[in-house]
Amino acid sequence: MRLRTTLLLGLLTGCATPSASKPEETPAEAATPASAETAPAPAQNPDLKAMAARELPPLSKQKVSAPDGSFTGEVEGAGAPGFQQQEGVLILSVPLGTKSPLTCFVYAEPLDAGGALTRLLGMVGQHTEVQRARTTDVRLVNEAPTVYAEAQYLVNVPRGKAAGQAKLMVHTHEQVPLVCTHDELGYTESFKRVTSGLASSLKAAGEPKPAPRYAEFHVIRLQGHPVGFERRTMNVVAGGSRMTEVETSLFLPRSAKELLTQDTVSKELADKEGRLVARDYARATNGELDIQMSLEQVKGREYHYEGTHSGKSLKGEFTATQELATEPGSARVVREQLLAGKKKELTMQSYSPAANPAAPVPQVWRRESPEGREVTVEMGPVKATLTVDAQGMVEKAVVPMGGLEMVRERVSVSGTP
């Protein structure tokens, strides 16, 4: 998937021309059930509970080296790993000493976590009766967002129904993107250990990509369960301007058997005073691009927007009634106005294509008390309670969703904003 590379067009060469290339398919072998336990359904077979609880002790480390020399690493395994090329993807197979090997797919292009997970779960469902699909963990591995999920299923066998469990991992590293699967009941924590160890060890050939000036990683939870992440990076570019990139992926339960996934990436260029110069925004729902918008400053508060939104082409201009908010600009206003006690409430305008692709959207910020760093933000019908740090950056956001509560919390930070 290419949301991040799609965004490069708007900020580097003017407004992006809306386009969506068909994503390459993950090889079907990634999620084709291969080792369902040939036994009656769980309710009729108490042994399945013991099978589901199986784990592996630490295995010996095996060297991993791509045939073309593009990366190296190591992985726990019961024997030497093997490689094969298929459909433009490098496939790594690692024997674990169980019925099924660990299978990993290494891509040459960046992945969007939600789109990759949607395709994997879809392939499981093509061959089985999925009983439960859910994410099990979200973490940062080798400085890249990493998502773990599982699909519990039933499949027809000569004696009736067999139970199976496909464990899935998507690792969105920019240089060595990785998808791993293991189709066998049990070994859930072992799968996480082995795949996180592999992802941590991978090193791309050539010079490493420079670390951003500032980076932070947030985990998103719904009623305490991990359902997404947000990663933010900031860099200083020519003339003291700031480039901010925000990558967000959500994996929301639509039902016990199905997830709604959404990937969003935005790139924002702010001048040294924190004023918005340009912004690119792309969103894919269940792997399909549904919003791609670019905004570019004409002069002052006049802006030109262009792109597609929900299948419709849009193009036009608007004049904002005040400076449009940016990531560094908003943090500075919160720090200097709300936290300093100069104001209890302020209104900012932002460009949010998901809310309105053709005009700015007002945000009302309030400090809840003279002590502490808790503020509220209202944008239309959405109200969030935020905890900010001393710089005005968001540490935690709590958003009510009907009778539920979604919490986005910062778990990692590096550098200086």
Protein backbone atom coordinates (compact mmCIF):
# COMPACT_ATOMS: atom_id res chain seq x y z
CA MET A 1 0.00 0.00 0.00
CA ARG A 2 1.16 3.44 -0.79
CA LEU A 3 -0.58 6.12 1.26
CA ARG A 4 2.73 7.66 2.31
CA THR A 5 4.22 7.75 -1.19
CA THR A 6 0.94 9.12 -2.56
CA LEU A 7 1.26 12.09 -0.21
CA LEU A 8 4.65 13.15 -1.52
CA LEU A 9 3.09 14.63 -4.65
CA GLY A 10 1.21 17.50 -3.02
CA LEU A 11 3.96 19.02 -0.91
CA LEU A 12 6.77 18.59 -3.43
CA THR A 13 5.15 19.37 -6.79
CA GLY A 14 1.90 21.18 -6.04
CA CYS A 15 -1.55 19.76 -5.50
CA ALA A 16 -1.68 16.01 -5.99
CA THR A 17 -3.63 14.49 -8.82
CA PRO A 18 -6.06 12.08 -7.15
CA SER A 19 -5.24 8.53 -8.08
CA ALA A 20 -5.37 5.15 -6.43
CA SER A 21 -3.30 2.27 -7.67
CA LYS A 22 -4.64 -1.20 -7.03
CA PRO A 23 -2.69 -2.63 -4.08
CA GLU A 24 -0.72 -5.79 -4.69
CA GLU A 25 -2.31 -8.85 -3.17
CA THR A 26 -0.66 -10.55 -0.26
CA PRO A 27 0.06 -14.13 -1.40
CA ALA A 28 -2.87 -16.37 -0.56
CA GLU A 29 -0.59 -18.82 1.23
CA ALA A 30 -0.21 -16.21 3.97
CA ALA A 31 -3.57 -17.01 5.45
CA THR A 32 -4.72 -20.27 3.88
CA PRO A 33 -5.51 -22.63 6.79
CA ALA A 34 -2.98 -25.42 6.75
CA SER A 35 -3.06 -26.94 10.22
CA ALA A 36 -6.52 -26.80 11.74
CA GLU A 37 -6.73 -29.43 14.44
CA THR A 38 -8.72 -32.32 12.96
CA ALA A 39 -11.01 -32.68 15.92
CA PRO A 40 -14.59 -31.70 16.80
CA ALA A 41 -15.46 -28.10 17.55
CA PRO A 42 -14.15 -26.66 20.85
CA ALA A 43 -17.38 -27.20 22.77
CA GLN A 44 -17.09 -30.94 22.12
CA ASN A 45 -13.34 -31.29 22.66
CA PRO A 46 -11.78 -30.16 25.96
CA ASP A 47 -8.33 -31.01 24.56
CA LEU A 48 -8.52 -27.93 22.30
CA LYS A 49 -8.17 -25.68 25.34
CA ALA A 50 -4.84 -27.32 26.14
CA MET A 51 -3.77 -27.04 22.48
CA ALA A 52 -4.59 -23.33 22.45
CA ALA A 53 -2.41 -22.81 25.54
CA ARG A 54 0.73 -24.36 24.00
CA GLU A 55 3.92 -22.27 23.88
CA LEU A 56 7.48 -22.78 22.69
CA PRO A 57 10.67 -22.45 24.74
CA PRO A 58 13.35 -20.14 23.31
CA LEU A 59 14.78 -21.59 20.10
CA SER A 60 18.26 -21.21 18.68
CA LYS A 61 18.97 -18.07 16.64
CA GLN A 62 19.17 -18.57 12.88
CA LYS A 63 20.82 -16.12 10.51
CA VAL A 64 18.58 -14.46 7.94
CA SER A 65 20.04 -12.93 4.77
CA ALA A 66 17.99 -11.91 1.73
CA PRO A 67 19.15 -13.62 -1.48
CA ASP A 68 19.59 -10.21 -3.14
CA GLY A 69 21.47 -8.80 -0.14
CA SER A 70 18.78 -6.21 0.59
CA PHE A 71 18.59 -7.03 4.32
CA THR A 72 19.99 -9.23 7.07
CA GLY A 73 18.75 -10.32 10.48
CA GLU A 74 18.17 -13.31 12.72
CA VAL A 75 15.20 -15.34 13.90
CA GLU A 76 14.47 -18.06 16.43
CA GLY A 77 13.94 -21.37 14.67
CA ALA A 78 14.20 -25.14 14.90
CA GLY A 79 16.21 -25.15 11.68
CA ALA A 80 17.57 -22.96 8.94
CA PRO A 81 15.04 -20.61 7.32
CA GLY A 82 14.35 -20.75 3.61
CA PHE A 83 13.45 -18.14 0.98
CA GLN A 84 11.36 -18.13 -2.17
CA GLN A 85 10.17 -15.38 -4.51
CA GLN A 86 6.49 -15.23 -5.39
CA GLU A 87 4.28 -12.51 -6.90
CA GLY A 88 6.97 -9.90 -6.35
CA VAL A 89 7.25 -10.68 -2.63
CA LEU A 90 10.11 -12.39 -0.81
CA ILE A 91 8.76 -15.24 1.33
CA LEU A 92 10.65 -16.38 4.42
CA SER A 93 9.76 -19.76 5.93
CA VAL A 94 11.04 -20.61 9.41
CA PRO A 95 10.60 -24.11 10.94
CA LEU A 96 9.47 -23.90 14.56
CA GLY A 97 9.30 -27.62 15.37
CA THR A 98 5.49 -27.52 15.19
CA LYS A 99 3.09 -28.65 12.45
CA SER A 100 3.26 -25.35 10.59
CA PRO A 101 6.26 -23.11 9.93
CA LEU A 102 6.34 -19.41 10.57
CA THR A 103 5.78 -17.68 7.23
CA CYS A 104 6.84 -14.06 6.66
CA PHE A 105 6.49 -11.84 3.61
CA VAL A 106 9.00 -9.07 3.02
CA TYR A 107 7.85 -6.23 0.76
CA ALA A 108 9.81 -3.75 -1.33
CA GLU A 109 7.26 -0.94 -0.74
CA PRO A 110 5.76 0.50 2.47
CA LEU A 111 2.65 -1.14 3.94
CA ASP A 112 -0.41 0.43 5.50
CA ALA A 113 -1.22 -1.62 8.59
CA GLY A 114 -5.01 -1.59 8.27
CA GLY A 115 -5.06 -2.47 4.58
CA ALA A 116 -2.61 -5.34 5.08
CA LEU A 117 -4.62 -6.71 8.01
CA THR A 118 -7.88 -6.45 6.03
CA ARG A 119 -6.42 -8.55 3.20
CA LEU A 120 -5.01 -11.16 5.57
CA LEU A 121 -8.29 -11.61 7.43
CA GLY A 122 -10.16 -11.70 4.14
CA MET A 123 -8.00 -14.60 2.96
CA VAL A 124 -8.63 -16.52 6.17
CA GLY A 125 -12.37 -16.06 5.63
CA GLN A 126 -12.19 -17.36 2.05
CA HIS A 127 -11.35 -20.86 3.29
CA THR A 128 -12.90 -21.03 6.76
CA GLU A 129 -15.79 -20.00 8.99
CA VAL A 130 -14.20 -17.23 11.05
CA GLN A 131 -15.54 -17.30 14.60
CA ARG A 132 -13.53 -14.44 16.06
CA ALA A 133 -11.19 -11.79 14.64
CA ARG A 134 -9.37 -9.31 16.83
CA THR A 135 -6.17 -7.40 17.39
CA THR A 136 -4.12 -8.67 20.32
CA ASP A 137 -1.30 -6.13 20.64
CA VAL A 138 0.04 -2.87 19.20
CA ARG A 139 3.63 -1.88 19.84
CA LEU A 140 6.69 -0.11 18.43
CA VAL A 141 9.35 -2.54 17.14
CA ASN A 142 12.58 -1.32 15.55
CA GLU A 143 11.06 2.19 15.52
CA ALA A 144 8.13 0.99 13.40
CA PRO A 145 4.45 0.41 14.29
CA THR A 146 3.67 -3.28 14.68
CA VAL A 147 0.23 -4.86 14.99
CA TYR A 148 -0.66 -8.36 16.17
CA ALA A 149 -3.99 -10.02 15.45
CA GLU A 150 -5.61 -13.43 15.37
CA ALA A 151 -8.47 -15.19 13.63
CA GLN A 152 -10.08 -18.19 15.30
CA TYR A 153 -11.95 -20.34 12.80
CA LEU A 154 -13.72 -23.59 11.97
CA VAL A 155 -13.17 -25.54 8.77
CA ASN A 156 -14.93 -28.56 7.27
CA VAL A 157 -13.11 -31.89 7.54
CA PRO A 158 -14.32 -35.47 6.84
CA ARG A 159 -15.21 -35.98 10.52
CA GLY A 160 -17.08 -32.70 10.92
CA LYS A 161 -15.52 -29.40 11.97
CA ALA A 162 -11.90 -28.65 12.83
CA ALA A 163 -10.78 -25.65 14.87
CA GLY A 164 -7.89 -23.44 13.88
CA GLN A 165 -6.14 -20.23 14.81
CA ALA A 166 -4.29 -17.95 12.40
CA LYS A 167 -1.91 -15.55 14.14
CA LEU A 168 -0.96 -12.44 12.17
CA MET A 169 1.63 -9.67 12.45
CA VAL A 170 2.04 -6.51 10.33
CA HIS A 171 5.29 -4.53 10.77
CA THR A 172 5.26 -1.24 8.83
CA HIS A 173 9.00 -0.55 8.72
CA GLU A 174 9.76 1.83 5.84
CA GLN A 175 12.82 -0.06 4.59
CA VAL A 176 11.91 -3.68 5.45
CA PRO A 177 8.08 -3.98 5.67
CA LEU A 178 7.08 -7.36 7.06
CA VAL A 179 3.94 -9.50 7.37
CA CYS A 180 4.13 -12.77 9.33
CA THR A 181 1.61 -15.58 9.88
CA HIS A 182 1.45 -18.83 11.80
CA ASP A 183 -1.57 -21.09 11.28
CA GLU A 184 -1.82 -23.46 14.24
CA LEU A 185 -3.66 -23.59 17.55
CA GLY A 186 -1.64 -22.11 20.38
CA TYR A 187 1.84 -20.56 20.45
CA THR A 188 0.33 -17.07 20.70
CA GLU A 189 3.01 -15.52 22.91
CA SER A 190 5.73 -17.50 21.13
CA PHE A 191 4.57 -16.01 17.82
CA LYS A 192 4.86 -12.50 19.25
CA ARG A 193 8.30 -13.23 20.70
CA VAL A 194 9.73 -14.78 17.55
CA THR A 195 8.33 -12.20 15.12
CA SER A 196 9.21 -9.18 17.26
CA GLY A 197 12.73 -10.58 17.59
CA LEU A 198 12.96 -10.98 13.82
CA ALA A 199 11.62 -7.46 13.15
CA SER A 200 13.99 -5.95 15.73
CA SER A 201 17.00 -7.58 14.10
CA LEU A 202 16.34 -6.65 10.48
CA LYS A 203 18.81 -4.25 8.90
CA ALA A 204 18.45 -2.90 5.39
CA ALA A 205 21.51 -2.71 3.17
CA GLY A 206 23.03 0.70 2.58
CA GLU A 207 22.88 3.81 4.70
CA PRO A 208 20.17 3.87 7.40
CA LYS A 209 17.48 6.50 7.05
CA PRO A 210 18.25 9.53 9.26
CA ALA A 211 16.23 9.68 12.47
CA PRO A 212 13.63 12.46 12.58
CA ARG A 213 14.21 15.51 14.75
CA TYR A 214 11.22 14.46 16.85
CA ALA A 215 9.10 11.31 16.96
CA GLU A 216 6.31 10.03 19.17
CA PHE A 217 4.18 6.89 19.18
CA HIS A 218 0.69 6.53 20.62
CA VAL A 219 -1.34 3.38 21.23
CA ILE A 220 -5.11 3.65 20.78
CA ARG A 221 -7.38 1.52 22.98
CA LEU A 222 -11.13 0.99 23.04
CA GLN A 223 -12.34 -0.01 26.50
CA GLY A 224 -8.74 -0.94 27.28
CA HIS A 225 -8.25 -3.17 24.21
CA PRO A 226 -5.58 -2.15 21.63
CA VAL A 227 -7.30 -1.06 18.40
CA GLY A 228 -4.81 1.25 16.71
CA PHE A 229 -1.80 3.55 16.78
CA GLU A 230 -0.66 7.01 15.83
CA ARG A 231 2.92 7.88 14.91
CA ARG A 232 4.06 11.49 14.53
CA THR A 233 7.39 12.79 13.24
CA MET A 234 8.65 16.35 12.86
CA ASN A 235 11.63 17.71 10.93
CA VAL A 236 13.06 21.15 10.23
CA VAL A 237 13.36 21.85 6.49
CA ALA A 238 14.58 24.79 4.36
CA GLY A 239 14.27 28.23 5.91
CA GLY A 240 13.30 26.93 9.33
CA SER A 241 9.95 25.50 8.15
CA ARG A 242 8.57 22.40 9.89
CA MET A 243 7.42 19.23 8.16
CA THR A 244 5.10 17.09 10.27
CA GLU A 245 3.90 13.63 9.25
CA VAL A 246 1.18 11.79 11.14
CA GLU A 247 0.36 8.15 10.43
CA THR A 248 -2.75 6.66 12.08
CA SER A 249 -4.23 3.17 11.76
CA LEU A 250 -7.41 1.87 13.40
CA PHE A 251 -8.68 -1.72 13.66
CA LEU A 252 -12.17 -1.39 15.10
CA PRO A 253 -14.42 -4.38 15.86
CA ARG A 254 -17.45 -4.27 13.54
CA SER A 255 -18.59 -7.59 15.00
CA ALA A 256 -16.96 -10.54 16.75
CA LYS A 257 -15.97 -11.87 13.32
CA GLU A 258 -15.02 -8.70 11.45
CA LEU A 259 -12.81 -5.62 11.79
CA LEU A 260 -13.23 -2.19 10.21
CA THR A 261 -9.76 -0.87 9.38
CA GLN A 262 -8.75 2.65 8.50
CA ASP A 263 -5.34 4.07 7.57
CA THR A 264 -4.72 7.82 7.51
CA VAL A 265 -1.55 9.70 6.63
CA SER A 266 -1.08 13.46 6.57
CA LYS A 267 1.90 15.62 5.70
CA GLU A 268 1.90 19.24 6.80
CA LEU A 269 4.33 22.04 5.98
CA ALA A 270 4.36 25.01 8.37
CA ASP A 271 6.56 28.10 8.07
CA LYS A 272 8.90 29.11 10.89
CA GLU A 273 6.07 31.13 12.49
CA GLY A 274 3.86 28.04 12.59
CA ARG A 275 1.55 29.12 9.74
CA LEU A 276 0.21 26.50 7.36
CA VAL A 277 1.86 26.44 3.93
CA ALA A 278 0.57 23.12 2.56
CA ARG A 279 -1.08 19.92 3.67
CA ASP A 280 -1.63 16.54 2.06
CA TYR A 281 -4.10 14.03 3.47
CA ALA A 282 -5.00 10.48 2.43
CA ARG A 283 -7.30 7.94 4.03
CA ALA A 284 -8.08 4.32 3.14
CA THR A 285 -10.94 2.34 4.66
CA ASN A 286 -10.63 -1.44 4.55
CA GLY A 287 -7.72 -0.97 2.15
CA GLU A 288 -9.62 1.23 -0.33
CA LEU A 289 -8.61 4.88 -0.79
CA ASP A 290 -11.64 7.07 -0.02
CA ILE A 291 -10.07 10.50 0.66
CA GLN A 292 -7.08 12.12 -1.01
CA MET A 293 -6.87 15.91 -0.63
CA SER A 294 -4.12 18.50 -1.01
CA LEU A 295 -4.19 22.05 0.36
CA GLU A 296 -1.73 24.74 -0.72
CA GLN A 297 -1.35 28.36 0.38
CA VAL A 298 -1.96 30.86 -2.41
CA LYS A 299 -1.10 33.90 -0.31
CA GLY A 300 -1.89 34.98 3.22
CA ARG A 301 -5.02 33.14 4.32
CA GLU A 302 -6.07 32.17 0.80
CA TYR A 303 -5.77 28.46 0.05
CA HIS A 304 -6.34 26.17 -2.92
CA TYR A 305 -7.65 22.63 -2.32
CA GLU A 306 -7.85 19.74 -4.78
CA GLY A 307 -8.47 16.00 -4.64
CA THR A 308 -11.13 13.34 -4.24
CA HIS A 309 -13.52 12.72 -1.37
CA SER A 310 -15.89 9.74 -1.26
CA GLY A 311 -15.52 9.19 -4.99
CA LYS A 312 -16.09 12.83 -6.00
CA SER A 313 -13.48 15.14 -7.50
CA LEU A 314 -13.14 18.46 -5.69
CA LYS A 315 -11.26 21.65 -6.50
CA GLY A 316 -11.59 25.20 -5.22
CA GLU A 317 -10.32 27.98 -3.00
CA PHE A 318 -11.26 29.49 0.33
CA THR A 319 -10.09 32.33 2.56
CA ALA A 320 -9.69 31.46 6.23
CA THR A 321 -10.90 33.97 8.81
CA GLN A 322 -7.78 33.32 10.90
CA GLU A 323 -4.47 31.50 10.59
CA LEU A 324 -4.97 27.77 10.04
CA ALA A 325 -3.71 25.63 12.89
CA THR A 326 -0.67 23.42 12.41
CA GLU A 327 0.89 20.81 14.69
CA PRO A 328 3.74 23.06 15.96
CA GLY A 329 1.55 26.18 15.90
CA SER A 330 -1.22 24.59 17.97
CA ALA A 331 1.25 23.29 20.55
CA ARG A 332 2.75 26.77 20.90
CA VAL A 333 -0.65 28.46 21.33
CA VAL A 334 -1.72 25.92 23.95
CA ARG A 335 1.58 26.36 25.78
CA GLU A 336 1.70 30.16 25.63
CA GLN A 337 -2.01 30.92 26.04
CA LEU A 338 -3.84 28.14 27.91
CA LEU A 339 -1.07 26.67 30.06
CA ALA A 340 0.36 30.11 30.85
CA GLY A 341 -3.07 31.18 32.13
CA LYS A 342 -3.51 34.05 29.66
CA LYS A 343 -6.73 32.54 28.31
CA LYS A 344 -9.22 29.96 29.53
CA GLU A 345 -10.70 29.38 26.07
CA LEU A 346 -9.57 29.93 22.51
CA THR A 347 -10.76 29.01 19.02
CA MET A 348 -8.50 27.78 16.26
CA GLN A 349 -9.29 26.77 12.70
CA SER A 350 -7.87 23.66 11.09
CA TYR A 351 -8.06 21.95 7.72
CA SER A 352 -9.53 18.48 8.32
CA PRO A 353 -10.60 16.82 5.03
CA ALA A 354 -12.44 14.02 6.83
CA ALA A 355 -14.70 16.62 8.47
CA ASN A 356 -14.87 19.16 5.60
CA PRO A 357 -12.64 18.97 2.50
CA ALA A 358 -13.66 22.43 1.20
CA ALA A 359 -13.40 24.74 4.22
CA PRO A 360 -11.68 25.14 7.60
CA VAL A 361 -13.22 23.57 10.69
CA PRO A 362 -13.28 25.46 14.02
CA GLN A 363 -11.78 23.91 17.14
CA VAL A 364 -12.67 25.25 20.59
CA TRP A 365 -9.98 24.65 23.23
CA ARG A 366 -10.60 25.11 26.96
CA ARG A 367 -8.42 24.64 29.99
CA GLU A 368 -10.41 22.76 32.59
CA SER A 369 -8.64 24.10 35.69
CA PRO A 370 -5.81 26.50 36.53
CA GLU A 371 -3.83 23.54 37.84
CA GLY A 372 -2.66 20.59 35.77
CA ARG A 373 -2.48 20.23 31.99
CA GLU A 374 -5.92 18.93 31.12
CA VAL A 375 -7.77 20.67 28.30
CA THR A 376 -10.84 19.90 26.21
CA VAL A 377 -11.19 20.27 22.45
CA GLU A 378 -14.49 20.46 20.58
CA MET A 379 -14.69 20.05 16.81
CA GLY A 380 -18.29 19.78 15.65
CA PRO A 381 -20.03 17.01 17.62
CA VAL A 382 -16.74 15.49 18.79
CA LYS A 383 -15.36 16.45 22.19
CA ALA A 384 -12.05 15.12 23.46
CA THR A 385 -10.34 15.52 26.81
CA LEU A 386 -6.60 15.96 26.42
CA THR A 387 -3.62 15.85 28.73
CA VAL A 388 -0.74 17.87 27.28
CA ASP A 389 2.92 18.06 28.24
CA ALA A 390 4.88 21.20 29.10
CA GLN A 391 5.43 21.89 25.38
CA GLY A 392 1.71 21.74 24.62
CA MET A 393 2.00 18.36 22.86
CA VAL A 394 -0.74 15.80 23.52
CA GLU A 395 0.19 12.98 25.88
CA LYS A 396 -3.28 11.46 26.18
CA ALA A 397 -6.63 11.93 24.48
CA VAL A 398 -9.95 10.50 25.69
CA VAL A 399 -12.87 10.48 23.24
CA PRO A 400 -16.35 9.14 24.19
CA MET A 401 -17.89 6.87 21.54
CA GLY A 402 -21.50 6.27 22.48
CA GLY A 403 -21.29 4.26 25.66
CA LEU A 404 -17.63 3.39 25.03
CA GLU A 405 -14.37 5.27 25.54
CA MET A 406 -11.47 5.51 23.13
CA VAL A 407 -8.10 6.45 24.62
CA ARG A 408 -5.00 7.46 22.68
CA GLU A 409 -1.91 7.50 24.90
CA ARG A 410 1.71 8.37 24.12
CA VAL A 411 4.02 5.49 24.97
CA SER A 412 7.27 6.56 23.25
CA VAL A 413 8.95 9.87 22.47
CA SER A 414 12.37 10.85 21.12
CA GLY A 415 14.08 14.04 20.04
CA THR A 416 12.97 17.68 20.36
CA PRO A 417 9.78 19.09 18.81
